[in-house]
Amino acid sequence: MKNLLIPFAALVLIITVNPAFSQQPPTIFTGAEAKRKNYKALYVLNNGDDKKINATLKNIKNALADPRLEGKLNVELVVFGDGVKVFDKTGPFEKTLLELQAKGVILAQCENTLRERKIDKSSLFSFISFVPSGNGEIIIRHYQGWAIVHP
């Protein structure tokens, strides 16, 4: 009987002292804290599917609306390959792009894509910017500390 009493007493002691067994409510995760003064995100779009384009633009809007990042987020959208469709004047994206640009989003088109596909800049929105290459932009931004987002 004495042999069983010691392990039983030890178990009771562990249960009453160990905080894991106490009645504390579980900690609820609410996301990472934005402790930095500034964040930078480069969104990459090289797909011409309307669903993909809309999803990418919505992702940018959502990031800009995140209260943790409010006033701290710099965003660039770099477009190349089939993604050039988003900047086509005949497309449905002008209003959304202007809204994003008004919030400080840089809208950049790869010039390699235009040259390779023989697309004239005049067929694209006049308010966009141009970079020599989309891949070059990704590489440079990466080494400048930008988060690379490819939704």
N, C-alpha and C. Protein backbone atom coordinates (compact mmCIF):
# COMPACT_ATOMS: atom_id res chain seq x y z
N MET A 1 0.81 -1.19 0.00
CA MET A 1 0.00 0.00 0.00
C MET A 1 0.86 1.26 0.00
N LYS A 2 1.97 1.22 0.78
CA LYS A 2 2.87 2.37 0.81
C LYS A 2 3.46 2.63 -0.57
N ASN A 3 3.69 1.57 -1.33
CA ASN A 3 4.27 1.71 -2.66
C ASN A 3 3.34 2.48 -3.60
N LEU A 4 2.06 2.39 -3.44
CA LEU A 4 1.10 3.09 -4.29
C LEU A 4 0.85 4.51 -3.82
N LEU A 5 1.05 4.78 -2.57
CA LEU A 5 0.78 6.09 -2.00
C LEU A 5 1.73 7.16 -2.53
N ILE A 6 2.97 6.87 -2.70
CA ILE A 6 3.96 7.85 -3.16
C ILE A 6 3.67 8.27 -4.61
N PRO A 7 3.48 7.34 -5.56
CA PRO A 7 3.17 7.77 -6.93
C PRO A 7 1.84 8.54 -7.00
N PHE A 8 0.86 8.15 -6.21
CA PHE A 8 -0.42 8.85 -6.20
C PHE A 8 -0.24 10.29 -5.70
N ALA A 9 0.52 10.48 -4.65
CA ALA A 9 0.78 11.81 -4.10
C ALA A 9 1.55 12.66 -5.11
N ALA A 10 2.49 12.07 -5.82
CA ALA A 10 3.25 12.80 -6.83
C ALA A 10 2.33 13.25 -7.97
N LEU A 11 1.43 12.40 -8.38
CA LEU A 11 0.49 12.73 -9.43
C LEU A 11 -0.42 13.88 -9.02
N VAL A 12 -0.94 13.85 -7.82
CA VAL A 12 -1.79 14.92 -7.30
C VAL A 12 -1.01 16.23 -7.27
N LEU A 13 0.22 16.19 -6.85
CA LEU A 13 1.07 17.38 -6.77
C LEU A 13 1.30 17.95 -8.18
N ILE A 14 1.59 17.11 -9.16
CA ILE A 14 1.82 17.57 -10.52
C ILE A 14 0.57 18.23 -11.10
N ILE A 15 -0.56 17.61 -10.89
CA ILE A 15 -1.82 18.13 -11.43
C ILE A 15 -2.17 19.48 -10.81
N THR A 16 -1.96 19.66 -9.53
CA THR A 16 -2.34 20.90 -8.87
C THR A 16 -1.34 22.02 -9.11
N VAL A 17 -0.08 21.70 -9.37
CA VAL A 17 0.95 22.72 -9.55
C VAL A 17 1.15 23.06 -11.02
N ASN A 18 1.03 22.12 -11.91
CA ASN A 18 1.30 22.31 -13.33
C ASN A 18 0.24 23.24 -13.96
N PRO A 19 0.68 24.37 -14.54
CA PRO A 19 -0.28 25.31 -15.14
C PRO A 19 -1.01 24.73 -16.36
N ALA A 20 -0.45 23.71 -16.95
CA ALA A 20 -1.12 23.12 -18.11
C ALA A 20 -2.44 22.49 -17.72
N PHE A 21 -2.56 22.11 -16.46
CA PHE A 21 -3.78 21.49 -15.99
C PHE A 21 -4.72 22.51 -15.33
N SER A 22 -4.30 23.76 -15.22
CA SER A 22 -5.14 24.76 -14.57
C SER A 22 -6.28 25.16 -15.50
N GLN A 23 -7.19 25.97 -15.00
CA GLN A 23 -8.39 26.34 -15.74
C GLN A 23 -8.23 27.67 -16.48
N GLN A 24 -7.05 27.95 -17.04
CA GLN A 24 -6.84 29.18 -17.80
C GLN A 24 -7.44 29.01 -19.20
N PRO A 25 -8.07 30.07 -19.71
CA PRO A 25 -8.60 29.97 -21.07
C PRO A 25 -7.45 29.87 -22.07
N PRO A 26 -7.67 29.19 -23.19
CA PRO A 26 -6.61 29.07 -24.18
C PRO A 26 -6.32 30.42 -24.83
N THR A 27 -5.07 30.63 -25.21
CA THR A 27 -4.69 31.85 -25.90
C THR A 27 -5.19 31.77 -27.33
N ILE A 28 -5.84 32.83 -27.79
CA ILE A 28 -6.38 32.87 -29.14
C ILE A 28 -5.41 33.68 -30.01
N PHE A 29 -4.96 33.08 -31.09
CA PHE A 29 -4.03 33.74 -32.01
C PHE A 29 -4.79 34.77 -32.84
N THR A 30 -4.29 35.99 -32.87
CA THR A 30 -4.95 37.06 -33.63
C THR A 30 -4.07 37.58 -34.76
N GLY A 31 -3.01 36.87 -35.09
CA GLY A 31 -2.13 37.27 -36.18
C GLY A 31 -0.86 37.91 -35.69
N ALA A 32 0.06 38.04 -36.60
CA ALA A 32 1.37 38.62 -36.29
C ALA A 32 1.21 40.11 -35.98
N GLU A 33 2.09 40.61 -35.13
CA GLU A 33 2.09 42.04 -34.80
C GLU A 33 2.97 42.77 -35.81
N ALA A 34 2.51 43.90 -36.28
CA ALA A 34 3.27 44.73 -37.22
C ALA A 34 4.08 45.74 -36.42
N LYS A 35 5.25 45.34 -35.97
CA LYS A 35 6.08 46.18 -35.09
C LYS A 35 7.02 47.11 -35.85
N ARG A 36 7.18 46.88 -37.14
CA ARG A 36 8.08 47.72 -37.93
C ARG A 36 7.38 49.01 -38.35
N LYS A 37 8.17 50.02 -38.68
CA LYS A 37 7.60 51.29 -39.14
C LYS A 37 7.15 51.21 -40.59
N ASN A 38 7.75 50.30 -41.36
CA ASN A 38 7.47 50.25 -42.78
C ASN A 38 7.55 48.82 -43.28
N TYR A 39 6.64 48.47 -44.19
CA TYR A 39 6.62 47.17 -44.85
C TYR A 39 6.53 47.40 -46.35
N LYS A 40 7.13 46.49 -47.13
CA LYS A 40 7.15 46.64 -48.58
C LYS A 40 6.77 45.30 -49.20
N ALA A 41 5.82 45.36 -50.15
CA ALA A 41 5.37 44.13 -50.82
C ALA A 41 5.30 44.35 -52.32
N LEU A 42 5.91 43.42 -53.06
CA LEU A 42 5.87 43.42 -54.51
C LEU A 42 4.94 42.30 -54.95
N TYR A 43 3.84 42.67 -55.58
CA TYR A 43 2.90 41.69 -56.10
C TYR A 43 3.27 41.41 -57.56
N VAL A 44 3.33 40.14 -57.91
CA VAL A 44 3.75 39.71 -59.24
C VAL A 44 2.55 39.17 -60.00
N LEU A 45 2.34 39.69 -61.20
CA LEU A 45 1.23 39.21 -62.03
C LEU A 45 1.76 38.88 -63.43
N ASN A 46 1.75 37.60 -63.77
CA ASN A 46 2.16 37.18 -65.11
C ASN A 46 1.13 36.22 -65.71
N ASN A 47 -0.12 36.45 -65.35
CA ASN A 47 -1.22 35.60 -65.79
C ASN A 47 -2.33 36.50 -66.33
N GLY A 48 -2.88 36.14 -67.49
CA GLY A 48 -3.91 36.96 -68.11
C GLY A 48 -5.33 36.51 -67.85
N ASP A 49 -5.50 35.53 -66.99
CA ASP A 49 -6.84 35.06 -66.65
C ASP A 49 -7.55 36.10 -65.78
N ASP A 50 -8.76 36.50 -66.17
CA ASP A 50 -9.50 37.52 -65.41
C ASP A 50 -9.64 37.15 -63.94
N LYS A 51 -9.89 35.89 -63.66
CA LYS A 51 -10.05 35.44 -62.28
C LYS A 51 -8.75 35.66 -61.50
N LYS A 52 -7.63 35.36 -62.11
CA LYS A 52 -6.32 35.55 -61.46
C LYS A 52 -6.01 37.03 -61.28
N ILE A 53 -6.31 37.83 -62.30
CA ILE A 53 -6.08 39.27 -62.20
C ILE A 53 -6.92 39.86 -61.07
N ASN A 54 -8.21 39.55 -61.05
CA ASN A 54 -9.10 40.06 -60.00
C ASN A 54 -8.64 39.62 -58.62
N ALA A 55 -8.18 38.37 -58.51
CA ALA A 55 -7.70 37.86 -57.22
C ALA A 55 -6.46 38.63 -56.76
N THR A 56 -5.56 38.91 -57.68
CA THR A 56 -4.34 39.66 -57.35
C THR A 56 -4.68 41.08 -56.89
N LEU A 57 -5.56 41.74 -57.62
CA LEU A 57 -5.96 43.10 -57.24
C LEU A 57 -6.67 43.11 -55.89
N LYS A 58 -7.49 42.10 -55.65
CA LYS A 58 -8.18 41.99 -54.36
C LYS A 58 -7.18 41.73 -53.23
N ASN A 59 -6.17 40.92 -53.49
CA ASN A 59 -5.13 40.66 -52.48
C ASN A 59 -4.43 41.96 -52.08
N ILE A 60 -4.15 42.80 -53.07
CA ILE A 60 -3.52 44.09 -52.78
C ILE A 60 -4.44 44.96 -51.94
N LYS A 61 -5.71 45.04 -52.33
CA LYS A 61 -6.70 45.82 -51.56
C LYS A 61 -6.77 45.32 -50.12
N ASN A 62 -6.79 44.00 -49.95
CA ASN A 62 -6.89 43.42 -48.60
C ASN A 62 -5.67 43.77 -47.76
N ALA A 63 -4.49 43.72 -48.35
CA ALA A 63 -3.28 44.07 -47.61
C ALA A 63 -3.32 45.54 -47.18
N LEU A 64 -3.74 46.39 -48.10
CA LEU A 64 -3.82 47.83 -47.78
C LEU A 64 -4.87 48.11 -46.70
N ALA A 65 -5.88 47.28 -46.62
CA ALA A 65 -6.96 47.48 -45.64
C ALA A 65 -6.65 46.83 -44.29
N ASP A 66 -5.60 46.06 -44.19
CA ASP A 66 -5.25 45.39 -42.93
C ASP A 66 -4.90 46.45 -41.89
N PRO A 67 -5.64 46.54 -40.79
CA PRO A 67 -5.38 47.60 -39.80
C PRO A 67 -3.97 47.55 -39.20
N ARG A 68 -3.35 46.39 -39.21
CA ARG A 68 -1.99 46.28 -38.67
C ARG A 68 -0.98 46.99 -39.58
N LEU A 69 -1.29 47.09 -40.85
CA LEU A 69 -0.37 47.66 -41.83
C LEU A 69 -0.73 49.08 -42.25
N GLU A 70 -1.83 49.59 -41.71
CA GLU A 70 -2.31 50.91 -42.09
C GLU A 70 -1.22 51.97 -41.93
N GLY A 71 -0.94 52.67 -43.03
CA GLY A 71 0.07 53.72 -43.02
C GLY A 71 1.50 53.22 -43.00
N LYS A 72 1.69 51.91 -43.09
CA LYS A 72 3.03 51.33 -43.01
C LYS A 72 3.43 50.55 -44.26
N LEU A 73 2.52 50.42 -45.22
CA LEU A 73 2.74 49.49 -46.32
C LEU A 73 2.97 50.19 -47.65
N ASN A 74 4.08 49.85 -48.30
CA ASN A 74 4.37 50.29 -49.67
C ASN A 74 4.14 49.08 -50.57
N VAL A 75 3.41 49.29 -51.67
CA VAL A 75 3.07 48.18 -52.56
C VAL A 75 3.42 48.55 -54.00
N GLU A 76 3.95 47.56 -54.70
CA GLU A 76 4.17 47.67 -56.14
C GLU A 76 3.55 46.45 -56.80
N LEU A 77 2.90 46.66 -57.93
CA LEU A 77 2.40 45.58 -58.76
C LEU A 77 3.26 45.56 -60.01
N VAL A 78 4.02 44.48 -60.20
CA VAL A 78 4.82 44.35 -61.42
C VAL A 78 4.15 43.32 -62.32
N VAL A 79 3.99 43.69 -63.58
CA VAL A 79 3.24 42.90 -64.55
C VAL A 79 4.16 42.52 -65.71
N PHE A 80 4.09 41.25 -66.11
CA PHE A 80 4.82 40.81 -67.29
C PHE A 80 4.11 39.60 -67.88
N GLY A 81 4.58 39.16 -69.06
CA GLY A 81 3.94 38.02 -69.71
C GLY A 81 2.47 38.30 -69.97
N ASP A 82 1.64 37.28 -69.79
CA ASP A 82 0.20 37.42 -70.04
C ASP A 82 -0.49 38.41 -69.10
N GLY A 83 0.18 38.78 -68.02
CA GLY A 83 -0.39 39.75 -67.08
C GLY A 83 -0.61 41.12 -67.69
N VAL A 84 0.05 41.41 -68.82
CA VAL A 84 -0.10 42.70 -69.49
C VAL A 84 -1.57 43.04 -69.73
N LYS A 85 -2.40 42.03 -69.77
CA LYS A 85 -3.85 42.24 -69.98
C LYS A 85 -4.45 43.20 -68.97
N VAL A 86 -3.94 43.22 -67.75
CA VAL A 86 -4.51 44.08 -66.70
C VAL A 86 -4.37 45.56 -67.05
N PHE A 87 -3.35 45.93 -67.83
CA PHE A 87 -3.09 47.32 -68.17
C PHE A 87 -3.64 47.72 -69.55
N ASP A 88 -4.31 46.81 -70.23
CA ASP A 88 -4.86 47.09 -71.56
C ASP A 88 -6.04 48.06 -71.44
N LYS A 89 -5.99 49.13 -72.21
CA LYS A 89 -7.05 50.15 -72.18
C LYS A 89 -8.44 49.59 -72.45
N THR A 90 -8.53 48.52 -73.22
CA THR A 90 -9.83 47.96 -73.57
C THR A 90 -10.37 47.03 -72.49
N GLY A 91 -9.57 46.77 -71.46
CA GLY A 91 -9.99 45.85 -70.40
C GLY A 91 -10.82 46.52 -69.33
N PRO A 92 -11.33 45.72 -68.38
CA PRO A 92 -12.25 46.21 -67.35
C PRO A 92 -11.58 46.66 -66.04
N PHE A 93 -10.25 46.86 -66.03
CA PHE A 93 -9.56 47.03 -64.76
C PHE A 93 -9.18 48.48 -64.41
N GLU A 94 -9.51 49.42 -65.26
CA GLU A 94 -9.06 50.80 -65.06
C GLU A 94 -9.48 51.38 -63.71
N LYS A 95 -10.73 51.24 -63.35
CA LYS A 95 -11.24 51.83 -62.10
C LYS A 95 -10.48 51.28 -60.89
N THR A 96 -10.31 49.97 -60.85
CA THR A 96 -9.61 49.35 -59.72
C THR A 96 -8.16 49.79 -59.67
N LEU A 97 -7.51 49.84 -60.83
CA LEU A 97 -6.11 50.25 -60.88
C LEU A 97 -5.94 51.69 -60.40
N LEU A 98 -6.84 52.57 -60.83
CA LEU A 98 -6.77 53.97 -60.38
C LEU A 98 -6.99 54.09 -58.88
N GLU A 99 -7.90 53.27 -58.34
CA GLU A 99 -8.12 53.27 -56.89
C GLU A 99 -6.86 52.83 -56.15
N LEU A 100 -6.21 51.80 -56.66
CA LEU A 100 -4.99 51.32 -56.02
C LEU A 100 -3.87 52.36 -56.13
N GLN A 101 -3.75 52.95 -57.30
CA GLN A 101 -2.72 53.98 -57.49
C GLN A 101 -2.95 55.16 -56.55
N ALA A 102 -4.21 55.54 -56.34
CA ALA A 102 -4.54 56.64 -55.44
C ALA A 102 -4.13 56.31 -54.00
N LYS A 103 -4.01 55.03 -53.70
CA LYS A 103 -3.56 54.60 -52.37
C LYS A 103 -2.05 54.41 -52.31
N GLY A 104 -1.36 54.80 -53.39
CA GLY A 104 0.09 54.76 -53.40
C GLY A 104 0.71 53.55 -54.07
N VAL A 105 -0.09 52.67 -54.63
CA VAL A 105 0.44 51.47 -55.26
C VAL A 105 1.15 51.86 -56.57
N ILE A 106 2.37 51.37 -56.74
CA ILE A 106 3.12 51.56 -57.98
C ILE A 106 2.64 50.49 -58.96
N LEU A 107 2.28 50.91 -60.16
CA LEU A 107 1.82 49.99 -61.20
C LEU A 107 2.89 49.95 -62.29
N ALA A 108 3.59 48.82 -62.40
CA ALA A 108 4.75 48.73 -63.29
C ALA A 108 4.60 47.62 -64.32
N GLN A 109 4.86 47.96 -65.58
CA GLN A 109 4.80 47.01 -66.69
C GLN A 109 6.21 46.72 -67.19
N CYS A 110 6.47 45.46 -67.45
CA CYS A 110 7.74 45.01 -68.01
C CYS A 110 7.86 45.41 -69.48
N GLU A 111 8.93 46.11 -69.82
CA GLU A 111 9.14 46.52 -71.21
C GLU A 111 9.55 45.35 -72.10
N ASN A 112 10.18 44.33 -71.54
CA ASN A 112 10.53 43.14 -72.34
C ASN A 112 9.27 42.51 -72.94
N THR A 113 8.23 42.42 -72.13
CA THR A 113 6.97 41.84 -72.61
C THR A 113 6.43 42.65 -73.79
N LEU A 114 6.46 43.96 -73.67
CA LEU A 114 5.94 44.81 -74.74
C LEU A 114 6.75 44.61 -76.02
N ARG A 115 8.05 44.58 -75.90
CA ARG A 115 8.92 44.42 -77.06
C ARG A 115 8.72 43.04 -77.71
N GLU A 116 8.72 42.00 -76.90
CA GLU A 116 8.59 40.63 -77.41
C GLU A 116 7.23 40.39 -78.07
N ARG A 117 6.19 41.02 -77.54
CA ARG A 117 4.83 40.81 -78.07
C ARG A 117 4.39 41.91 -79.03
N LYS A 118 5.32 42.83 -79.28
CA LYS A 118 5.05 43.96 -80.18
C LYS A 118 3.79 44.73 -79.77
N ILE A 119 3.74 45.06 -78.48
CA ILE A 119 2.63 45.83 -77.91
C ILE A 119 3.08 47.28 -77.77
N ASP A 120 2.32 48.18 -78.32
CA ASP A 120 2.65 49.60 -78.22
C ASP A 120 2.17 50.14 -76.87
N LYS A 121 3.00 50.96 -76.25
CA LYS A 121 2.64 51.55 -74.95
C LYS A 121 1.33 52.33 -75.01
N SER A 122 1.02 52.87 -76.18
CA SER A 122 -0.21 53.66 -76.31
C SER A 122 -1.47 52.81 -76.15
N SER A 123 -1.35 51.48 -76.23
CA SER A 123 -2.52 50.62 -76.03
C SER A 123 -2.77 50.32 -74.55
N LEU A 124 -1.86 50.81 -73.71
CA LEU A 124 -1.99 50.60 -72.26
C LEU A 124 -2.39 51.90 -71.58
N PHE A 125 -2.87 51.78 -70.35
CA PHE A 125 -3.27 52.96 -69.59
C PHE A 125 -2.08 53.92 -69.46
N SER A 126 -2.36 55.20 -69.58
CA SER A 126 -1.30 56.21 -69.56
C SER A 126 -0.73 56.44 -68.16
N PHE A 127 -1.39 55.95 -67.15
CA PHE A 127 -0.97 56.23 -65.77
C PHE A 127 -0.03 55.16 -65.19
N ILE A 128 0.35 54.16 -65.99
CA ILE A 128 1.23 53.12 -65.46
C ILE A 128 2.69 53.49 -65.70
N SER A 129 3.57 52.81 -64.98
CA SER A 129 5.01 53.00 -65.12
C SER A 129 5.61 51.79 -65.83
N PHE A 130 6.88 51.90 -66.20
CA PHE A 130 7.54 50.82 -66.92
C PHE A 130 8.87 50.49 -66.27
N VAL A 131 9.20 49.20 -66.30
CA VAL A 131 10.50 48.72 -65.82
C VAL A 131 11.12 47.91 -66.96
N PRO A 132 12.46 47.89 -67.05
CA PRO A 132 13.10 47.17 -68.15
C PRO A 132 12.70 45.69 -68.22
N SER A 133 12.66 45.03 -67.04
CA SER A 133 12.22 43.63 -67.03
C SER A 133 11.51 43.32 -65.72
N GLY A 134 10.48 42.50 -65.82
CA GLY A 134 9.75 42.08 -64.62
C GLY A 134 10.62 41.27 -63.69
N ASN A 135 11.39 40.35 -64.26
CA ASN A 135 12.26 39.52 -63.43
C ASN A 135 13.34 40.34 -62.75
N GLY A 136 13.87 41.32 -63.48
CA GLY A 136 14.86 42.21 -62.87
C GLY A 136 14.27 42.96 -61.69
N GLU A 137 13.03 43.41 -61.84
CA GLU A 137 12.34 44.13 -60.75
C GLU A 137 12.18 43.23 -59.53
N ILE A 138 11.81 41.98 -59.77
CA ILE A 138 11.64 41.03 -58.66
C ILE A 138 12.97 40.82 -57.94
N ILE A 139 14.03 40.62 -58.69
CA ILE A 139 15.34 40.38 -58.09
C ILE A 139 15.80 41.58 -57.27
N ILE A 140 15.70 42.77 -57.86
CA ILE A 140 16.14 43.98 -57.15
C ILE A 140 15.31 44.21 -55.90
N ARG A 141 14.00 44.12 -56.03
CA ARG A 141 13.13 44.34 -54.86
C ARG A 141 13.40 43.30 -53.77
N HIS A 142 13.65 42.07 -54.15
CA HIS A 142 13.97 41.04 -53.16
C HIS A 142 15.17 41.47 -52.31
N TYR A 143 16.22 41.91 -52.98
CA TYR A 143 17.43 42.29 -52.25
C TYR A 143 17.29 43.64 -51.54
N GLN A 144 16.24 44.37 -51.84
CA GLN A 144 15.93 45.60 -51.10
C GLN A 144 15.05 45.29 -49.88
N GLY A 145 14.72 44.02 -49.70
CA GLY A 145 13.95 43.62 -48.52
C GLY A 145 12.44 43.56 -48.73
N TRP A 146 11.98 43.61 -49.96
CA TRP A 146 10.55 43.56 -50.23
C TRP A 146 10.04 42.13 -50.13
N ALA A 147 8.83 41.95 -49.60
CA ALA A 147 8.16 40.66 -49.65
C ALA A 147 7.67 40.46 -51.08
N ILE A 148 7.92 39.29 -51.64
CA ILE A 148 7.49 39.00 -53.01
C ILE A 148 6.22 38.15 -52.90
N VAL A 149 5.11 38.68 -53.42
CA VAL A 149 3.82 38.00 -53.31
C VAL A 149 3.37 37.62 -54.72
N HIS A 150 3.12 36.34 -54.91
CA HIS A 150 2.68 35.84 -56.22
C HIS A 150 1.39 35.07 -55.99
N PRO A 151 0.26 35.79 -55.88
CA PRO A 151 -1.01 35.11 -55.57
C PRO A 151 -1.41 34.08 -56.61
